[in-house]
């Protein structure tokens, strides 16, 4: 019986990763192992929950500008527009997910894609999720400057049980997960500042519009008609005195000075 050398290499790598579960560089080691099978240009380990995103691990050699964009923009509010976050909060579950399977219809035309994703994540992204409890999901997001091909997606899916088991076991050794992310993020601060000008329903429509969902998709999520969504959109634009999604994105999502400071 012939032995598959690639399978032997994978099992050897898994054995090594198991011995590193309690070491500080575990996540980097896991990514290096995955990088032997698929191209990985950036990665991050997070915990998703309804009210915030917690950082578990970042690459030690990550670009300073990339880290700054992540900590000052993504963590402070842009995560609300992330297709992976939206999909997970709508249906929290463990598994392996590919951007192309969960992205909304107009995701690649959004300001979020142009202003953040394309610059700092690049071209494609996949994610392994492990449901920790009813409220929290552990995620490792993997970005690439090239599209993952079908063979690569298949490999990542095949090794899913190993990766997810390692992720879950690693959490027994995580004692420094960031707990200080309870400050009001820019999106909430802006919505609060708008007061009664924007309704709760309009806020929901705003977020989904900026995420790239079509009127039909939003209607399905909110149990409304597509025509009602279009009316909400016109009302939002009129109330905020804007004419485009780029203006909407800038108004709600771009970094600002302290909005409470006098002008």
C-alpha atoms as a PDB file:
ATOM      1  CA  UNK A   1       0.000   0.000   0.000  1.00  0.00           C
ATOM      2  CA  UNK A   2       1.456   3.369  -1.024  1.00  0.00           C
ATOM      3  CA  UNK A   3       1.491   6.259   1.420  1.00  0.00           C
ATOM      4  CA  UNK A   4       0.417   9.776   0.447  1.00  0.00           C
ATOM      5  CA  UNK A   5       3.382  11.959   1.364  1.00  0.00           C
ATOM      6  CA  UNK A   6       1.216  15.100   1.577  1.00  0.00           C
ATOM      7  CA  UNK A   7      -1.075  13.411   4.105  1.00  0.00           C
ATOM      8  CA  UNK A   8       1.944  12.263   6.095  1.00  0.00           C
ATOM      9  CA  UNK A   9       3.282  15.835   6.141  1.00  0.00           C
ATOM     10  CA  UNK A  10      -0.080  17.147   7.314  1.00  0.00           C
ATOM     11  CA  UNK A  11      -0.314  14.655  10.178  1.00  0.00           C
ATOM     12  CA  UNK A  12       3.230  15.489  11.223  1.00  0.00           C
ATOM     13  CA  UNK A  13       2.311  19.191  11.231  1.00  0.00           C
ATOM     14  CA  UNK A  14      -0.781  18.500  13.341  1.00  0.00           C
ATOM     15  CA  UNK A  15       1.309  16.612  15.874  1.00  0.00           C
ATOM     16  CA  UNK A  16       3.684  19.548  16.131  1.00  0.00           C
ATOM     17  CA  UNK A  17       0.799  22.029  16.526  1.00  0.00           C
ATOM     18  CA  UNK A  18      -0.678  19.987  19.373  1.00  0.00           C
ATOM     19  CA  UNK A  19       2.603  20.310  21.290  1.00  0.00           C
ATOM     20  CA  UNK A  20       2.488  24.091  20.735  1.00  0.00           C
ATOM     21  CA  UNK A  21      -1.054  24.661  22.021  1.00  0.00           C
ATOM     22  CA  UNK A  22       0.204  26.288  25.231  1.00  0.00           C
ATOM     23  CA  UNK A  23       2.855  28.458  23.567  1.00  0.00           C
ATOM     24  CA  UNK A  24       2.512  32.181  22.760  1.00  0.00           C
ATOM     25  CA  UNK A  25       3.278  31.631  19.069  1.00  0.00           C
ATOM     26  CA  UNK A  26       0.575  28.982  18.552  1.00  0.00           C
ATOM     27  CA  UNK A  27      -1.570  31.085  16.194  1.00  0.00           C
ATOM     28  CA  UNK A  28       1.427  32.032  14.045  1.00  0.00           C
ATOM     29  CA  UNK A  29       2.415  28.363  13.891  1.00  0.00           C
ATOM     30  CA  UNK A  30      -1.090  27.377  12.812  1.00  0.00           C
ATOM     31  CA  UNK A  31      -1.056  29.998  10.042  1.00  0.00           C
ATOM     32  CA  UNK A  32       2.376  28.860   8.843  1.00  0.00           C
ATOM     33  CA  UNK A  33       1.050  25.320   8.591  1.00  0.00           C
ATOM     34  CA  UNK A  34      -1.992  26.454   6.602  1.00  0.00           C
ATOM     35  CA  UNK A  35       0.289  28.555   4.413  1.00  0.00           C
ATOM     36  CA  UNK A  36       1.938  25.344   3.221  1.00  0.00           C
ATOM     37  CA  UNK A  37      -1.352  24.530   1.479  1.00  0.00           C
ATOM     38  CA  UNK A  38      -2.825  27.917   0.487  1.00  0.00           C
ATOM     39  CA  UNK A  39      -1.446  31.452  -0.016  1.00  0.00           C
ATOM     40  CA  UNK A  40      -1.893  33.585   3.123  1.00  0.00           C
ATOM     41  CA  UNK A  41      -1.001  37.278   3.077  1.00  0.00           C
ATOM     42  CA  UNK A  42      -2.723  38.433   6.262  1.00  0.00           C
ATOM     43  CA  UNK A  43      -4.620  36.942   9.171  1.00  0.00           C
ATOM     44  CA  UNK A  44      -6.239  37.787  12.479  1.00  0.00           C
ATOM     45  CA  UNK A  45      -7.882  35.835  15.288  1.00  0.00           C
ATOM     46  CA  UNK A  46     -11.034  37.409  16.739  1.00  0.00           C
ATOM     47  CA  UNK A  47     -14.020  36.733  18.939  1.00  0.00           C
ATOM     48  CA  UNK A  48     -17.342  37.921  17.507  1.00  0.00           C
ATOM     49  CA  UNK A  49     -20.218  38.852  19.796  1.00  0.00           C
ATOM     50  CA  UNK A  50     -23.311  41.022  19.408  1.00  0.00           C
ATOM     51  CA  UNK A  51     -21.858  44.151  20.990  1.00  0.00           C
ATOM     52  CA  UNK A  52     -18.202  44.111  20.002  1.00  0.00           C
ATOM     53  CA  UNK A  53     -15.237  42.280  18.472  1.00  0.00           C
ATOM     54  CA  UNK A  54     -12.331  41.129  20.646  1.00  0.00           C
ATOM     55  CA  UNK A  55      -8.777  40.673  19.351  1.00  0.00           C
ATOM     56  CA  UNK A  56      -7.144  37.371  20.259  1.00  0.00           C
ATOM     57  CA  UNK A  57      -4.036  37.494  18.066  1.00  0.00           C
ATOM     58  CA  UNK A  58      -2.450  39.559  15.288  1.00  0.00           C
ATOM     59  CA  UNK A  59       0.686  38.816  13.223  1.00  0.00           C
ATOM     60  CA  UNK A  60       3.769  40.152  14.986  1.00  0.00           C
ATOM     61  CA  UNK A  61       5.185  41.300  11.634  1.00  0.00           C
ATOM     62  CA  UNK A  62       2.000  42.956  10.359  1.00  0.00           C
ATOM     63  CA  UNK A  63       2.343  46.255   8.498  1.00  0.00           C
ATOM     64  CA  UNK A  64       1.904  49.224  10.864  1.00  0.00           C
ATOM     65  CA  UNK A  65      -0.603  50.934   8.577  1.00  0.00           C
ATOM     66  CA  UNK A  66      -2.606  47.719   8.290  1.00  0.00           C
ATOM     67  CA  UNK A  67      -2.681  47.261  12.078  1.00  0.00           C
ATOM     68  CA  UNK A  68      -3.678  50.888  12.588  1.00  0.00           C
ATOM     69  CA  UNK A  69      -6.551  50.574  10.107  1.00  0.00           C
ATOM     70  CA  UNK A  70      -7.670  47.402  11.837  1.00  0.00           C
ATOM     71  CA  UNK A  71      -7.568  48.742  15.393  1.00  0.00           C
ATOM     72  CA  UNK A  72      -8.797  52.275  14.662  1.00  0.00           C
ATOM     73  CA  UNK A  73     -11.395  51.528  12.008  1.00  0.00           C
ATOM     74  CA  UNK A  74     -12.433  47.874  11.906  1.00  0.00           C
ATOM     75  CA  UNK A  75     -12.551  47.221  15.653  1.00  0.00           C
ATOM     76  CA  UNK A  76     -14.188  50.592  16.354  1.00  0.00           C
ATOM     77  CA  UNK A  77     -17.139  50.076  14.043  1.00  0.00           C
ATOM     78  CA  UNK A  78     -16.377  48.857  10.519  1.00  0.00           C
ATOM     79  CA  UNK A  79     -16.790  45.246  11.669  1.00  0.00           C
ATOM     80  CA  UNK A  80     -20.536  45.935  11.511  1.00  0.00           C
ATOM     81  CA  UNK A  81     -20.169  45.972   7.697  1.00  0.00           C
ATOM     82  CA  UNK A  82     -18.021  42.820   7.502  1.00  0.00           C
ATOM     83  CA  UNK A  83     -19.892  40.034   5.623  1.00  0.00           C
ATOM     84  CA  UNK A  84     -18.365  37.423   7.946  1.00  0.00           C
ATOM     85  CA  UNK A  85     -19.529  39.282  11.056  1.00  0.00           C
ATOM     86  CA  UNK A  86     -23.014  39.846   9.628  1.00  0.00           C
ATOM     87  CA  UNK A  87     -23.389  36.187   8.601  1.00  0.00           C
ATOM     88  CA  UNK A  88     -22.160  34.961  11.964  1.00  0.00           C
ATOM     89  CA  UNK A  89     -24.418  37.218  14.016  1.00  0.00           C
ATOM     90  CA  UNK A  90     -27.439  36.229  11.923  1.00  0.00           C
ATOM     91  CA  UNK A  91     -26.640  32.523  12.321  1.00  0.00           C
ATOM     92  CA  UNK A  92     -23.900  31.882  14.924  1.00  0.00           C
ATOM     93  CA  UNK A  93     -22.278  28.543  14.129  1.00  0.00           C
ATOM     94  CA  UNK A  94     -19.015  26.689  13.784  1.00  0.00           C
ATOM     95  CA  UNK A  95     -17.662  25.942  10.326  1.00  0.00           C
ATOM     96  CA  UNK A  96     -15.525  27.017   7.394  1.00  0.00           C
ATOM     97  CA  UNK A  97     -16.708  29.956   5.284  1.00  0.00           C
ATOM     98  CA  UNK A  98     -15.572  31.570   2.023  1.00  0.00           C
ATOM     99  CA  UNK A  99     -16.219  35.226   1.195  1.00  0.00           C
ATOM    100  CA  UNK A 100     -17.837  34.419  -2.146  1.00  0.00           C
ATOM    101  CA  UNK A 101     -20.448  32.267  -0.407  1.00  0.00           C
ATOM    102  CA  UNK A 102     -21.586  34.895   2.094  1.00  0.00           C
ATOM    103  CA  UNK A 103     -20.919  38.314   0.517  1.00  0.00           C
ATOM    104  CA  UNK A 104     -24.044  40.352  -0.316  1.00  0.00           C
ATOM    105  CA  UNK A 105     -24.942  41.138  -3.911  1.00  0.00           C
ATOM    106  CA  UNK A 106     -23.204  44.520  -4.120  1.00  0.00           C
ATOM    107  CA  UNK A 107     -20.355  43.924  -1.656  1.00  0.00           C
ATOM    108  CA  UNK A 108     -17.612  44.542  -4.221  1.00  0.00           C
ATOM    109  CA  UNK A 109     -19.159  47.915  -5.090  1.00  0.00           C
ATOM    110  CA  UNK A 110     -19.336  49.216  -1.508  1.00  0.00           C
ATOM    111  CA  UNK A 111     -17.216  51.926   0.061  1.00  0.00           C
ATOM    112  CA  UNK A 112     -16.316  49.386   2.761  1.00  0.00           C
ATOM    113  CA  UNK A 113     -14.779  47.169   0.069  1.00  0.00           C
ATOM    114  CA  UNK A 114     -12.957  50.033  -1.672  1.00  0.00           C
ATOM    115  CA  UNK A 115     -11.851  51.949   1.417  1.00  0.00           C
ATOM    116  CA  UNK A 116     -10.963  49.045   3.709  1.00  0.00           C
ATOM    117  CA  UNK A 117     -11.182  45.494   2.351  1.00  0.00           C
ATOM    118  CA  UNK A 118      -9.344  46.026  -0.947  1.00  0.00           C
ATOM    119  CA  UNK A 119      -6.570  47.994   0.778  1.00  0.00           C
ATOM    120  CA  UNK A 120      -5.921  45.884   3.856  1.00  0.00           C
ATOM    121  CA  UNK A 121      -7.313  42.397   3.196  1.00  0.00           C
ATOM    122  CA  UNK A 122      -6.757  42.414  -0.553  1.00  0.00           C
ATOM    123  CA  UNK A 123      -8.635  40.028  -2.875  1.00  0.00           C
ATOM    124  CA  UNK A 124     -10.088  37.024  -1.083  1.00  0.00           C
ATOM    125  CA  UNK A 125     -10.833  35.822   2.445  1.00  0.00           C
ATOM    126  CA  UNK A 126     -11.847  32.658   4.260  1.00  0.00           C
ATOM    127  CA  UNK A 127     -12.702  32.065   7.896  1.00  0.00           C
ATOM    128  CA  UNK A 128     -12.791  29.206  10.375  1.00  0.00           C
ATOM    129  CA  UNK A 129     -15.370  29.710  13.141  1.00  0.00           C
ATOM    130  CA  UNK A 130     -15.737  27.915  16.467  1.00  0.00           C
ATOM    131  CA  UNK A 131     -18.828  28.611  18.541  1.00  0.00           C
ATOM    132  CA  UNK A 132     -17.569  29.081  22.110  1.00  0.00           C
ATOM    133  CA  UNK A 133     -20.951  29.610  23.735  1.00  0.00           C
ATOM    134  CA  UNK A 134     -24.347  31.144  22.986  1.00  0.00           C
ATOM    135  CA  UNK A 135     -22.854  34.643  22.694  1.00  0.00           C
ATOM    136  CA  UNK A 136     -19.319  34.273  21.322  1.00  0.00           C
ATOM    137  CA  UNK A 137     -17.689  32.879  18.184  1.00  0.00           C
ATOM    138  CA  UNK A 138     -13.927  32.373  17.858  1.00  0.00           C
ATOM    139  CA  UNK A 139     -12.750  33.188  14.315  1.00  0.00           C
ATOM    140  CA  UNK A 140      -9.516  32.993  12.392  1.00  0.00           C
ATOM    141  CA  UNK A 141      -9.720  35.100   9.230  1.00  0.00           C
ATOM    142  CA  UNK A 142      -7.270  34.435   6.411  1.00  0.00           C
ATOM    143  CA  UNK A 143      -6.753  36.938   3.604  1.00  0.00           C
ATOM    144  CA  UNK A 144      -5.001  36.494   0.267  1.00  0.00           C
ATOM    145  CA  UNK A 145      -3.852  38.795  -2.556  1.00  0.00           C
ATOM    146  CA  UNK A 146      -5.081  36.165  -5.018  1.00  0.00           C
ATOM    147  CA  UNK A 147      -8.366  34.296  -5.317  1.00  0.00           C
ATOM    148  CA  UNK A 148      -8.459  30.936  -3.586  1.00  0.00           C
ATOM    149  CA  UNK A 149      -9.055  28.320  -6.256  1.00  0.00           C
ATOM    150  CA  UNK A 150     -11.461  25.418  -5.822  1.00  0.00           C
ATOM    151  CA  UNK A 151      -8.713  22.949  -4.940  1.00  0.00           C
ATOM    152  CA  UNK A 152      -7.461  25.240  -2.177  1.00  0.00           C
ATOM    153  CA  UNK A 153     -10.978  25.745  -0.812  1.00  0.00           C
ATOM    154  CA  UNK A 154     -11.476  21.971  -0.851  1.00  0.00           C
ATOM    155  CA  UNK A 155      -8.236  21.405   1.082  1.00  0.00           C
ATOM    156  CA  UNK A 156      -9.180  24.020   3.692  1.00  0.00           C
ATOM    157  CA  UNK A 157     -12.589  22.418   4.075  1.00  0.00           C
ATOM    158  CA  UNK A 158     -11.168  18.888   4.392  1.00  0.00           C
ATOM    159  CA  UNK A 159      -8.831  19.894   7.232  1.00  0.00           C
ATOM    160  CA  UNK A 160     -11.615  21.867   8.965  1.00  0.00           C
ATOM    161  CA  UNK A 161     -12.138  19.325  11.807  1.00  0.00           C
ATOM    162  CA  UNK A 162      -8.442  19.477  12.753  1.00  0.00           C
ATOM    163  CA  UNK A 163      -8.219  23.259  12.624  1.00  0.00           C
ATOM    164  CA  UNK A 164     -11.423  23.829  14.577  1.00  0.00           C
ATOM    165  CA  UNK A 165     -10.422  21.299  17.257  1.00  0.00           C
ATOM    166  CA  UNK A 166      -7.069  23.042  17.683  1.00  0.00           C
ATOM    167  CA  UNK A 167      -8.748  26.449  17.895  1.00  0.00           C
ATOM    168  CA  UNK A 168     -11.119  25.252  20.604  1.00  0.00           C
ATOM    169  CA  UNK A 169      -8.365  23.616  22.645  1.00  0.00           C
ATOM    170  CA  UNK A 170      -6.179  26.715  22.360  1.00  0.00           C
ATOM    171  CA  UNK A 171      -8.785  28.788  24.196  1.00  0.00           C
ATOM    172  CA  UNK A 172      -7.901  26.944  27.423  1.00  0.00           C
ATOM    173  CA  UNK A 173      -4.576  28.791  27.287  1.00  0.00           C
ATOM    174  CA  UNK A 174      -5.808  32.243  26.228  1.00  0.00           C
ATOM    175  CA  UNK A 175      -5.613  34.502  29.268  1.00  0.00           C
ATOM    176  CA  UNK A 176      -4.903  37.874  27.655  1.00  0.00           C
ATOM    177  CA  UNK A 177      -7.817  38.251  25.264  1.00  0.00           C
ATOM    178  CA  UNK A 178      -8.558  41.959  24.858  1.00  0.00           C
ATOM    179  CA  UNK A 179     -11.366  42.913  27.243  1.00  0.00           C
ATOM    180  CA  UNK A 180     -11.231  46.690  26.768  1.00  0.00           C
ATOM    181  CA  UNK A 181     -13.469  47.153  23.735  1.00  0.00           C
ATOM    182  CA  UNK A 182     -16.621  48.466  25.353  1.00  0.00           C
ATOM    183  CA  UNK A 183     -16.319  52.100  24.269  1.00  0.00           C
ATOM    184  CA  UNK A 184     -18.994  53.514  21.993  1.00  0.00           C
ATOM    185  CA  UNK A 185     -17.811  52.951  18.426  1.00  0.00           C
ATOM    186  CA  UNK A 186     -18.157  55.714  15.790  1.00  0.00           C
ATOM    187  CA  UNK A 187     -21.263  54.194  14.183  1.00  0.00           C
ATOM    188  CA  UNK A 188     -23.180  54.157  17.471  1.00  0.00           C
ATOM    189  CA  UNK A 189     -21.857  57.573  18.421  1.00  0.00           C
ATOM    190  CA  UNK A 190     -23.051  59.079  15.145  1.00  0.00           C
ATOM    191  CA  UNK A 191     -26.451  57.411  15.333  1.00  0.00           C
ATOM    192  CA  UNK A 192     -26.806  58.653  18.928  1.00  0.00           C
ATOM    193  CA  UNK A 193     -25.883  62.157  17.839  1.00  0.00           C
ATOM    194  CA  UNK A 194     -28.542  62.059  15.139  1.00  0.00           C
ATOM    195  CA  UNK A 195     -31.101  61.387  17.870  1.00  0.00           C
ATOM    196  CA  UNK A 196     -34.682  61.126  16.640  1.00  0.00           C
ATOM    197  CA  UNK A 197     -33.623  62.123  13.134  1.00  0.00           C
ATOM    198  CA  UNK A 198     -32.931  58.463  12.277  1.00  0.00           C
ATOM    199  CA  UNK A 199     -35.242  55.676  13.449  1.00  0.00           C
ATOM    200  CA  UNK A 200     -34.085  52.256  14.636  1.00  0.00           C
ATOM    201  CA  UNK A 201     -35.444  50.684  11.434  1.00  0.00           C
ATOM    202  CA  UNK A 202     -33.619  53.255   9.308  1.00  0.00           C
ATOM    203  CA  UNK A 203     -30.413  52.503  11.212  1.00  0.00           C
ATOM    204  CA  UNK A 204     -30.806  48.807  10.309  1.00  0.00           C
ATOM    205  CA  UNK A 205     -31.385  49.715   6.654  1.00  0.00           C
ATOM    206  CA  UNK A 206     -28.347  52.038   6.711  1.00  0.00           C
ATOM    207  CA  UNK A 207     -25.989  49.325   7.917  1.00  0.00           C
ATOM    208  CA  UNK A 208     -27.221  46.776   5.395  1.00  0.00           C
ATOM    209  CA  UNK A 209     -27.010  49.274   2.542  1.00  0.00           C
ATOM    210  CA  UNK A 210     -23.412  50.094   3.435  1.00  0.00           C
ATOM    211  CA  UNK A 211     -22.636  46.367   3.652  1.00  0.00           C
ATOM    212  CA  UNK A 212     -23.655  45.876   0.009  1.00  0.00           C
ATOM    213  CA  UNK A 213     -27.050  44.238   0.354  1.00  0.00           C
ATOM    214  CA  UNK A 214     -29.549  44.966  -2.392  1.00  0.00           C
ATOM    215  CA  UNK A 215     -33.011  46.325  -1.607  1.00  0.00           C
ATOM    216  CA  UNK A 216     -34.392  42.834  -2.224  1.00  0.00           C
ATOM    217  CA  UNK A 217     -31.883  41.235   0.169  1.00  0.00           C
ATOM    218  CA  UNK A 218     -32.569  43.852   2.858  1.00  0.00           C
ATOM    219  CA  UNK A 219     -36.302  43.374   2.433  1.00  0.00           C
ATOM    220  CA  UNK A 220     -35.879  39.646   3.056  1.00  0.00           C
ATOM    221  CA  UNK A 221     -33.775  40.195   6.176  1.00  0.00           C
ATOM    222  CA  UNK A 222     -36.145  42.773   7.670  1.00  0.00           C
ATOM    223  CA  UNK A 223     -39.391  41.112   6.493  1.00  0.00           C
ATOM    224  CA  UNK A 224     -40.387  44.167   4.464  1.00  0.00           C
ATOM    225  CA  UNK A 225     -41.067  44.795   0.782  1.00  0.00           C
ATOM    226  CA  UNK A 226     -38.336  45.998  -1.563  1.00  0.00           C
ATOM    227  CA  UNK A 227     -40.414  49.126  -2.222  1.00  0.00           C
ATOM    228  CA  UNK A 228     -40.505  49.896   1.505  1.00  0.00           C
ATOM    229  CA  UNK A 229     -36.716  49.610   1.635  1.00  0.00           C
ATOM    230  CA  UNK A 230     -36.424  52.063  -1.256  1.00  0.00           C
ATOM    231  CA  UNK A 231     -38.679  54.505   0.620  1.00  0.00           C
ATOM    232  CA  UNK A 232     -36.488  54.156   3.731  1.00  0.00           C
ATOM    233  CA  UNK A 233     -33.419  54.802   1.601  1.00  0.00           C
ATOM    234  CA  UNK A 234     -34.884  57.984   0.095  1.00  0.00           C
ATOM    235  CA  UNK A 235     -35.923  59.186   3.552  1.00  0.00           C
ATOM    236  CA  UNK A 236     -32.465  58.503   4.999  1.00  0.00           C
ATOM    237  CA  UNK A 237     -30.731  60.401   2.210  1.00  0.00           C
ATOM    238  CA  UNK A 238     -33.128  63.323   2.625  1.00  0.00           C
ATOM    239  CA  UNK A 239     -32.711  63.447   6.410  1.00  0.00           C
ATOM    240  CA  UNK A 240     -28.910  63.310   6.221  1.00  0.00           C
ATOM    241  CA  UNK A 241     -28.800  65.683   3.224  1.00  0.00           C
ATOM    242  CA  UNK A 242     -26.678  63.294   1.175  1.00  0.00           C
ATOM    243  CA  UNK A 243     -26.922  61.978  -2.382  1.00  0.00           C
ATOM    244  CA  UNK A 244     -24.693  58.898  -2.530  1.00  0.00           C
ATOM    245  CA  UNK A 245     -23.435  55.896  -0.586  1.00  0.00           C
ATOM    246  CA  UNK A 246     -19.931  57.374  -0.551  1.00  0.00           C
ATOM    247  CA  UNK A 247     -21.301  60.374   1.358  1.00  0.00           C
ATOM    248  CA  UNK A 248     -23.201  58.015   3.647  1.00  0.00           C
ATOM    249  CA  UNK A 249     -20.049  55.972   4.339  1.00  0.00           C
ATOM    250  CA  UNK A 250     -18.017  59.102   5.046  1.00  0.00           C
ATOM    251  CA  UNK A 251     -20.703  60.437   7.373  1.00  0.00           C
ATOM    252  CA  UNK A 252     -21.029  57.296   9.468  1.00  0.00           C
ATOM    253  CA  UNK A 253     -17.865  55.248   9.122  1.00  0.00           C
ATOM    254  CA  UNK A 254     -14.813  57.365   8.442  1.00  0.00           C
ATOM    255  CA  UNK A 255     -12.545  58.332  11.370  1.00  0.00           C
ATOM    256  CA  UNK A 256     -13.588  61.599  12.924  1.00  0.00           C
ATOM    257  CA  UNK A 257     -12.448  63.966  15.614  1.00  0.00           C
ATOM    258  CA  UNK A 258     -14.387  63.899  18.864  1.00  0.00           C
ATOM    259  CA  UNK A 259     -17.946  64.561  17.687  1.00  0.00           C
ATOM    260  CA  UNK A 260     -18.802  66.176  21.033  1.00  0.00           C
ATOM    261  CA  UNK A 261     -16.161  68.882  20.616  1.00  0.00           C
ATOM    262  CA  UNK A 262     -17.435  72.352  19.672  1.00  0.00           C
ATOM    263  CA  UNK A 263     -17.070  73.223  16.014  1.00  0.00           C
END
